[in-house]
C-alpha atoms as a PDB file:
ATOM      1  CA  MET A   1      -0.084  -0.039  -0.194  1.00  0.00           C
ATOM      2  CA  GLY A   2       2.834   2.444   0.804  1.00  0.00           C
ATOM      3  CA  ILE A   3       3.332   5.581   3.178  1.00  0.00           C
ATOM      4  CA  SER A   4       0.789   8.113   2.352  1.00  0.00           C
ATOM      5  CA  GLU A   5       3.075  11.083   2.316  1.00  0.00           C
ATOM      6  CA  PRO A   6       6.901  10.213   2.628  1.00  0.00           C
ATOM      7  CA  PHE A   7       9.603  12.768   2.891  1.00  0.00           C
ATOM      8  CA  ILE A   8      12.269  10.508   1.366  1.00  0.00           C
ATOM      9  CA  SER A   9      12.058   8.133  -1.758  1.00  0.00           C
ATOM     10  CA  ILE A  10      14.426   5.483  -1.674  1.00  0.00           C
ATOM     11  CA  VAL A  11      14.733   4.109  -5.380  1.00  0.00           C
ATOM     12  CA  ILE A  12      16.755   0.622  -5.938  1.00  0.00           C
ATOM     13  CA  PRO A  13      16.689  -0.982  -9.647  1.00  0.00           C
ATOM     14  CA  VAL A  14      17.013  -4.777  -9.160  1.00  0.00           C
ATOM     15  CA  TYR A  15      17.573  -7.598 -11.580  1.00  0.00           C
ATOM     16  CA  ASN A  16      18.097 -11.139 -11.109  1.00  0.00           C
ATOM     17  CA  GLU A  17      18.668 -10.576  -7.112  1.00  0.00           C
ATOM     18  CA  GLU A  18      16.872 -13.661  -5.664  1.00  0.00           C
ATOM     19  CA  ALA A  19      19.954 -14.486  -3.894  1.00  0.00           C
ATOM     20  CA  ILE A  20      20.364 -11.158  -1.751  1.00  0.00           C
ATOM     21  CA  LEU A  21      17.187  -9.064  -2.232  1.00  0.00           C
ATOM     22  CA  ARG A  22      15.305 -10.356   0.856  1.00  0.00           C
ATOM     23  CA  ALA A  23      18.174 -10.181   3.203  1.00  0.00           C
ATOM     24  CA  ALA A  24      19.219  -6.807   1.705  1.00  0.00           C
ATOM     25  CA  VAL A  25      15.782  -5.147   2.124  1.00  0.00           C
ATOM     26  CA  VAL A  26      15.077  -6.532   5.585  1.00  0.00           C
ATOM     27  CA  ASP A  27      18.808  -5.323   6.759  1.00  0.00           C
ATOM     28  CA  LEU A  28      18.029  -1.664   5.188  1.00  0.00           C
ATOM     29  CA  ILE A  29      15.041  -1.348   6.741  1.00  0.00           C
ATOM     30  CA  ASP A  30      16.252  -2.139  10.082  1.00  0.00           C
ATOM     31  CA  ARG A  31      18.829   0.546   9.735  1.00  0.00           C
ATOM     32  CA  LEU A  32      16.544   3.185   8.519  1.00  0.00           C
ATOM     33  CA  CYS A  33      14.040   2.342  11.731  1.00  0.00           C
ATOM     34  CA  ALA A  34      17.001   4.114  13.675  1.00  0.00           C
ATOM     35  CA  LEU A  35      16.819   7.370  11.305  1.00  0.00           C
ATOM     36  CA  SER A  36      13.150   8.232  12.027  1.00  0.00           C
ATOM     37  CA  TRP A  37      12.349   8.917   8.600  1.00  0.00           C
ATOM     38  CA  SER A  38       9.046   8.952   6.869  1.00  0.00           C
ATOM     39  CA  TYR A  39      10.270   7.054   3.686  1.00  0.00           C
ATOM     40  CA  GLU A  40       9.165   4.673   0.809  1.00  0.00           C
ATOM     41  CA  LEU A  41      11.100   2.190  -0.692  1.00  0.00           C
ATOM     42  CA  LEU A  42      10.921   1.706  -4.415  1.00  0.00           C
ATOM     43  CA  ILE A  43      12.278  -1.716  -5.764  1.00  0.00           C
ATOM     44  CA  ALA A  44      12.213  -0.983  -9.438  1.00  0.00           C
ATOM     45  CA  GLU A  45      12.527  -4.945 -10.438  1.00  0.00           C
ATOM     46  CA  ASN A  46      13.467  -5.174 -14.415  1.00  0.00           C
ATOM     47  CA  GLY A  47      13.407  -8.156 -16.378  1.00  0.00           C
ATOM     48  CA  SER A  48      14.489 -10.714 -14.032  1.00  0.00           C
ATOM     49  CA  THR A  49      14.498 -14.475 -14.827  1.00  0.00           C
ATOM     50  CA  ASP A  50      14.981 -15.614 -11.597  1.00  0.00           C
ATOM     51  CA  GLY A  51      12.707 -15.470  -8.731  1.00  0.00           C
ATOM     52  CA  THR A  52      13.260 -11.672  -7.926  1.00  0.00           C
ATOM     53  CA  SER A  53       9.808 -10.600  -8.938  1.00  0.00           C
ATOM     54  CA  GLU A  54       8.291 -13.064  -6.342  1.00  0.00           C
ATOM     55  CA  VAL A  55      10.661 -12.171  -3.685  1.00  0.00           C
ATOM     56  CA  ALA A  56       9.791  -8.505  -4.344  1.00  0.00           C
ATOM     57  CA  ALA A  57       5.913  -8.817  -4.252  1.00  0.00           C
ATOM     58  CA  GLU A  58       6.373 -10.797  -1.164  1.00  0.00           C
ATOM     59  CA  LEU A  59       8.398  -8.165   0.646  1.00  0.00           C
ATOM     60  CA  ALA A  60       5.707  -5.169  -0.538  1.00  0.00           C
ATOM     61  CA  LYS A  61       2.952  -7.444   1.246  1.00  0.00           C
ATOM     62  CA  ARG A  62       5.169  -7.694   4.385  1.00  0.00           C
ATOM     63  CA  PHE A  63       6.320  -4.048   4.665  1.00  0.00           C
ATOM     64  CA  ASP A  64       3.920  -0.753   4.204  1.00  0.00           C
ATOM     65  CA  GLN A  65       6.716   1.405   3.208  1.00  0.00           C
ATOM     66  CA  LEU A  66       7.947  -1.076   0.241  1.00  0.00           C
ATOM     67  CA  VAL A  67       6.634  -0.135  -3.370  1.00  0.00           C
ATOM     68  CA  TYR A  68       7.223  -3.033  -6.011  1.00  0.00           C
ATOM     69  CA  ARG A  69       7.452  -1.819  -9.581  1.00  0.00           C
ATOM     70  CA  HIS A  70       7.957  -4.112 -12.692  1.00  0.00           C
ATOM     71  CA  THR A  71       8.912  -3.392 -15.928  1.00  0.00           C
ATOM     72  CA  ASP A  72       9.484  -6.370 -18.644  1.00  0.00           C
ATOM     73  CA  GLU A  73      12.828  -5.381 -20.210  1.00  0.00           C
ATOM     74  CA  PRO A  74      16.020  -5.890 -18.422  1.00  0.00           C
ATOM     75  CA  ASN A  75      17.044  -2.269 -18.502  1.00  0.00           C
ATOM     76  CA  TYR A  76      19.014  -0.471 -15.517  1.00  0.00           C
ATOM     77  CA  GLY A  77      18.253   2.808 -16.674  1.00  0.00           C
ATOM     78  CA  LYS A  78      14.450   2.642 -17.855  1.00  0.00           C
ATOM     79  CA  ALA A  79      14.099   1.032 -14.263  1.00  0.00           C
ATOM     80  CA  LEU A  80      15.894   3.661 -12.188  1.00  0.00           C
ATOM     81  CA  ARG A  81      14.048   6.365 -14.562  1.00  0.00           C
ATOM     82  CA  ASP A  82      10.697   4.726 -13.635  1.00  0.00           C
ATOM     83  CA  GLY A  83      11.514   4.782 -10.032  1.00  0.00           C
ATOM     84  CA  ILE A  84      12.336   8.396 -10.105  1.00  0.00           C
ATOM     85  CA  LEU A  85       9.252   9.527 -12.075  1.00  0.00           C
ATOM     86  CA  HIS A  86       6.890   7.476  -9.652  1.00  0.00           C
ATOM     87  CA  ALA A  87       8.677   8.870  -6.210  1.00  0.00           C
ATOM     88  CA  ARG A  88       6.734  10.754  -4.208  1.00  0.00           C
ATOM     89  CA  GLY A  89       9.249  12.025  -1.419  1.00  0.00           C
ATOM     90  CA  GLU A  90      10.501  15.527  -1.098  1.00  0.00           C
ATOM     91  CA  LEU A  91      13.772  13.901  -1.408  1.00  0.00           C
ATOM     92  CA  VAL A  92      14.890  11.025  -3.547  1.00  0.00           C
ATOM     93  CA  ILE A  93      17.968   8.795  -2.874  1.00  0.00           C
ATOM     94  CA  CYS A  94      19.066   6.421  -5.503  1.00  0.00           C
ATOM     95  CA  ASP A  95      20.864   3.289  -4.077  1.00  0.00           C
ATOM     96  CA  GLU A  96      21.986  -0.394  -5.196  1.00  0.00           C
ATOM     97  CA  ILE A  97      20.807  -3.434  -3.595  1.00  0.00           C
ATOM     98  CA  ASP A  98      24.545  -4.713  -3.312  1.00  0.00           C
ATOM     99  CA  LEU A  99      25.366  -1.480  -1.214  1.00  0.00           C
ATOM    100  CA  CYS A 100      22.362   0.009   0.559  1.00  0.00           C
ATOM    101  CA  ASP A 101      24.663   2.716   1.848  1.00  0.00           C
ATOM    102  CA  THR A 102      22.532   4.356   4.910  1.00  0.00           C
ATOM    103  CA  ASP A 103      25.857   6.368   6.025  1.00  0.00           C
ATOM    104  CA  PHE A 104      25.517   7.985   2.151  1.00  0.00           C
ATOM    105  CA  HIS A 105      21.681   8.452   2.883  1.00  0.00           C
ATOM    106  CA  GLU A 106      22.217  10.223   6.098  1.00  0.00           C
ATOM    107  CA  ARG A 107      25.143  12.487   4.905  1.00  0.00           C
ATOM    108  CA  ALA A 108      23.132  13.275   1.622  1.00  0.00           C
ATOM    109  CA  VAL A 109      19.803  14.191   3.353  1.00  0.00           C
ATOM    110  CA  ALA A 110      21.868  16.515   5.894  1.00  0.00           C
ATOM    111  CA  LEU A 111      23.382  18.399   2.885  1.00  0.00           C
ATOM    112  CA  LEU A 112      20.060  18.567   0.958  1.00  0.00           C
ATOM    113  CA  GLN A 113      18.815  20.657   3.896  1.00  0.00           C
ATOM    114  CA  ASP A 114      21.115  23.626   2.375  1.00  0.00           C
ATOM    115  CA  PRO A 115      18.834  25.386  -0.047  1.00  0.00           C
ATOM    116  CA  SER A 116      21.755  25.743  -2.410  1.00  0.00           C
ATOM    117  CA  VAL A 117      22.346  22.302  -2.649  1.00  0.00           C
ATOM    118  CA  ASP A 118      19.766  20.258  -5.043  1.00  0.00           C
ATOM    119  CA  PHE A 119      21.751  17.109  -6.056  1.00  0.00           C
ATOM    120  CA  VAL A 120      24.355  15.105  -4.144  1.00  0.00           C
ATOM    121  CA  ILE A 121      26.454  12.488  -5.698  1.00  0.00           C
ATOM    122  CA  GLY A 122      28.347   9.562  -4.069  1.00  0.00           C
ATOM    123  CA  SER A 123      31.843   9.619  -6.022  1.00  0.00           C
ATOM    124  CA  LYS A 124      33.931   6.398  -5.826  1.00  0.00           C
ATOM    125  CA  VAL A 125      37.265   8.394  -7.324  1.00  0.00           C
ATOM    126  CA  MET A 126      37.436  11.559  -5.417  1.00  0.00           C
ATOM    127  CA  GLU A 127      39.948  12.203  -2.630  1.00  0.00           C
ATOM    128  CA  GLY A 128      38.507  10.327   0.603  1.00  0.00           C
ATOM    129  CA  ALA A 129      36.851   7.580  -1.337  1.00  0.00           C
ATOM    130  CA  LYS A 130      37.252   3.901  -1.066  1.00  0.00           C
ATOM    131  CA  ASP A 131      36.648   1.421  -4.048  1.00  0.00           C
ATOM    132  CA  GLU A 132      37.271  -1.980  -3.148  1.00  0.00           C
ATOM    133  CA  ARG A 133      35.726  -3.387  -6.260  1.00  0.00           C
ATOM    134  CA  PRO A 134      37.879  -5.395  -8.881  1.00  0.00           C
ATOM    135  CA  PHE A 135      40.298  -3.559 -10.658  1.00  0.00           C
ATOM    136  CA  TYR A 136      38.784  -3.972 -14.000  1.00  0.00           C
ATOM    137  CA  ARG A 137      35.605  -2.352 -12.481  1.00  0.00           C
ATOM    138  CA  ARG A 138      37.483   0.567 -11.252  1.00  0.00           C
ATOM    139  CA  LEU A 139      39.202   0.933 -14.374  1.00  0.00           C
ATOM    140  CA  GLY A 140      35.780   1.006 -16.281  1.00  0.00           C
ATOM    141  CA  THR A 141      34.630   4.087 -13.770  1.00  0.00           C
ATOM    142  CA  VAL A 142      37.812   6.009 -14.662  1.00  0.00           C
ATOM    143  CA  VAL A 143      37.437   5.560 -18.426  1.00  0.00           C
ATOM    144  CA  ILE A 144      33.662   6.227 -18.765  1.00  0.00           C
ATOM    145  CA  ASN A 145      34.175   9.402 -16.797  1.00  0.00           C
ATOM    146  CA  GLY A 146      37.061  10.513 -18.495  1.00  0.00           C
ATOM    147  CA  MET A 147      34.884  10.140 -21.771  1.00  0.00           C
ATOM    148  CA  LEU A 148      32.048  12.015 -20.226  1.00  0.00           C
ATOM    149  CA  ARG A 149      34.734  15.188 -19.626  1.00  0.00           C
ATOM    150  CA  VAL A 150      35.825  15.155 -22.952  1.00  0.00           C
ATOM    151  CA  THR A 151      32.778  14.493 -24.988  1.00  0.00           C
ATOM    152  CA  LEU A 152      30.399  16.369 -22.847  1.00  0.00           C
ATOM    153  CA  GLY A 153      32.049  18.652 -20.416  1.00  0.00           C
ATOM    154  CA  PHE A 154      31.418  16.946 -17.058  1.00  0.00           C
ATOM    155  CA  LYS A 155      32.899  18.496 -14.618  1.00  0.00           C
ATOM    156  CA  GLY A 156      32.772  16.214 -11.805  1.00  0.00           C
ATOM    157  CA  THR A 157      34.509  12.949 -10.982  1.00  0.00           C
ATOM    158  CA  ASP A 158      31.640  10.219 -10.961  1.00  0.00           C
ATOM    159  CA  THR A 159      27.919   9.942 -12.309  1.00  0.00           C
ATOM    160  CA  HIS A 160      27.083   6.273 -11.997  1.00  0.00           C
ATOM    161  CA  GLY A 161      26.030   4.751  -8.317  1.00  0.00           C
ATOM    162  CA  LEU A 162      24.847   6.578  -5.277  1.00  0.00           C
ATOM    163  CA  LYS A 163      23.007   9.868  -5.596  1.00  0.00           C
ATOM    164  CA  ALA A 164      20.184  11.796  -3.791  1.00  0.00           C
ATOM    165  CA  PHE A 165      18.420  15.009  -4.978  1.00  0.00           C
ATOM    166  CA  ARG A 166      15.313  17.332  -4.652  1.00  0.00           C
ATOM    167  CA  ARG A 167      12.416  15.583  -6.425  1.00  0.00           C
ATOM    168  CA  GLU A 168      10.610  18.790  -7.904  1.00  0.00           C
ATOM    169  CA  PRO A 169      13.587  20.173  -9.877  1.00  0.00           C
ATOM    170  CA  VAL A 170      15.153  16.548 -10.899  1.00  0.00           C
ATOM    171  CA  GLN A 171      11.840  14.970 -12.179  1.00  0.00           C
ATOM    172  CA  PRO A 172      11.637  16.939 -15.310  1.00  0.00           C
ATOM    173  CA  ILE A 173      15.305  16.402 -15.896  1.00  0.00           C
ATOM    174  CA  ALA A 174      14.578  12.753 -15.674  1.00  0.00           C
ATOM    175  CA  ARG A 175      11.989  12.724 -17.973  1.00  0.00           C
ATOM    176  CA  ALA A 176      13.857  14.636 -20.740  1.00  0.00           C
ATOM    177  CA  CYS A 177      16.679  12.194 -20.686  1.00  0.00           C
ATOM    178  CA  VAL A 178      17.086  10.190 -23.935  1.00  0.00           C
ATOM    179  CA  VAL A 179      19.442   7.295 -23.276  1.00  0.00           C
ATOM    180  CA  ASP A 180      19.112   4.246 -20.950  1.00  0.00           C
ATOM    181  CA  ARG A 181      20.827   1.261 -19.568  1.00  0.00           C
ATOM    182  CA  ASP A 182      24.055   2.257 -17.889  1.00  0.00           C
ATOM    183  CA  LEU A 183      24.314   5.872 -19.415  1.00  0.00           C
ATOM    184  CA  PHE A 184      20.811   7.117 -17.706  1.00  0.00           C
ATOM    185  CA  ALA A 185      22.361   7.933 -14.575  1.00  0.00           C
ATOM    186  CA  SER A 186      25.407   9.889 -16.413  1.00  0.00           C
ATOM    187  CA  GLU A 187      22.699  11.844 -18.534  1.00  0.00           C
ATOM    188  CA  LEU A 188      20.769  12.722 -15.447  1.00  0.00           C
ATOM    189  CA  VAL A 189      23.923  14.072 -13.540  1.00  0.00           C
ATOM    190  CA  ILE A 190      25.008  16.006 -16.356  1.00  0.00           C
ATOM    191  CA  ARG A 191      21.555  17.652 -17.582  1.00  0.00           C
ATOM    192  CA  ALA A 192      21.367  18.565 -13.793  1.00  0.00           C
ATOM    193  CA  GLU A 193      24.635  20.128 -13.925  1.00  0.00           C
ATOM    194  CA  ARG A 194      24.278  21.859 -17.053  1.00  0.00           C
ATOM    195  CA  ALA A 195      20.559  22.992 -15.831  1.00  0.00           C
ATOM    196  CA  GLY A 196      22.677  25.041 -12.932  1.00  0.00           C
ATOM    197  CA  LEU A 197      21.487  22.980 -10.182  1.00  0.00           C
ATOM    198  CA  GLY A 198      23.561  22.844  -7.080  1.00  0.00           C
ATOM    199  CA  VAL A 199      25.457  19.690  -7.307  1.00  0.00           C
ATOM    200  CA  GLN A 200      27.803  18.493  -4.637  1.00  0.00           C
ATOM    201  CA  GLU A 201      29.893  15.214  -4.642  1.00  0.00           C
ATOM    202  CA  ILE A 202      30.836  13.392  -1.389  1.00  0.00           C
ATOM    203  CA  PRO A 203      33.258  10.559  -1.132  1.00  0.00           C
ATOM    204  CA  VAL A 204      31.824   6.890  -0.532  1.00  0.00           C
ATOM    205  CA  ARG A 205      33.051   3.497   0.465  1.00  0.00           C
ATOM    206  CA  VAL A 206      31.919   0.829  -2.425  1.00  0.00           C
ATOM    207  CA  LEU A 207      32.050  -2.651  -1.141  1.00  0.00           C
ATOM    208  CA  GLU A 208      29.866  -4.839  -3.504  1.00  0.00           C
ATOM    209  CA  LYS A 209      28.172  -8.223  -1.834  1.00  0.00           C
ATOM    210  CA  ARG A 210      28.225  -9.774  -4.892  1.00  0.00           C
ATOM    211  CA  PRO A 211      29.300  -9.739  -8.757  1.00  0.00           C
ATOM    212  CA  PRO A 212      27.552  -7.362 -11.229  1.00  0.00           C
ATOM    213  CA  THR A 213      24.839  -9.210 -12.635  1.00  0.00           C
ATOM    214  CA  VAL A 214      25.589  -7.812 -16.063  1.00  0.00           C
ATOM    215  CA  GLY A 215      29.154  -8.444 -17.055  1.00  0.00           C
ATOM    216  CA  LEU A 216      31.424  -5.422 -18.083  1.00  0.00           C
ATOM    217  CA  ALA A 217      31.716  -6.885 -21.800  1.00  0.00           C
ATOM    218  CA  ARG A 218      28.334  -7.119 -22.354  1.00  0.00           C
ATOM    219  CA  ARG A 219      27.656  -3.573 -21.081  1.00  0.00           C
ATOM    220  CA  VAL A 220      30.437  -1.819 -23.433  1.00  0.00           C
ATOM    221  CA  PRO A 221      28.441  -1.773 -26.832  1.00  0.00           C
ATOM    222  CA  ASN A 222      25.455  -0.086 -25.191  1.00  0.00           C
ATOM    223  CA  VAL A 223      27.597   2.332 -23.492  1.00  0.00           C
ATOM    224  CA  LEU A 224      29.353   3.533 -26.761  1.00  0.00           C
ATOM    225  CA  LYS A 225      25.852   3.737 -28.731  1.00  0.00           C
ATOM    226  CA  ASN A 226      24.268   5.763 -25.935  1.00  0.00           C
ATOM    227  CA  LEU A 227      27.414   8.018 -25.344  1.00  0.00           C
ATOM    228  CA  ALA A 228      27.341   8.703 -29.123  1.00  0.00           C
ATOM    229  CA  LYS A 229      23.439   9.215 -28.791  1.00  0.00           C
ATOM    230  CA  LEU A 230      24.036  11.621 -25.787  1.00  0.00           C
ATOM    231  CA  PHE A 231      26.391  13.616 -27.143  1.00  0.00           C
ATOM    232  CA  ILE A 232      24.272  14.320 -30.245  1.00  0.00           C
ATOM    233  CA  ALA A 233      21.217  15.276 -27.929  1.00  0.00           C
ATOM    234  CA  ILE A 234      23.658  17.210 -25.560  1.00  0.00           C
ATOM    235  CA  ARG A 235      25.973  18.878 -27.727  1.00  0.00           C
ATOM    236  CA  ILE A 236      24.618  19.127 -31.119  1.00  0.00           C
ATOM    237  CA  LYS A 237      20.676  19.350 -30.728  1.00  0.00           C
ATOM    238  CA  ARG A 238      20.810  21.152 -27.304  1.00  0.00           C
END
């Protein structure tokens, strides 16, 4: 049923996460209890082929604050966009099921109390961050962020992963985004930056609970295709 008027919406896309979904959600809800927030937890399941949908539906019946959304296509960006557009909280936090970083939640919400801050990004590569993922995953982050800086003028250090923002100014930006899959999150950040929103990065520690559900090699063609599409949309069409 969901919370009637949540202050915070936490959006988590999931794909083939049957093995960890139940434990991760229960643990996250336990930790959020200590914060006394009015919140909703949107589980944006997309195209899973295991028992993820059944687990998510079961959890939605068990916890009033959990909202289960389903899309047929396995597409991280579309699922994240859907969750953001259906979020009802004044503040929106985008998390990952293998992170569920309530330390980031607390720090980001505190920063968003400042009227000059509209968007908080959890950076895995800025000074003070601790990225404990495998080397090839860390290298992939460095490469894609470098490409975004060169091709699109991105000014920050990271776009993909943990983020939090004010719903009202960011939902129209999410609606206007033209790419999906892995680069949706990057487009959202870059468009927020270009729209003049107050964007602030904070360092985070990243220690994943399991290997990625979609391999890096499978992501590369879509990343390159969407990067070209994004370059045309932002640099040429504007």
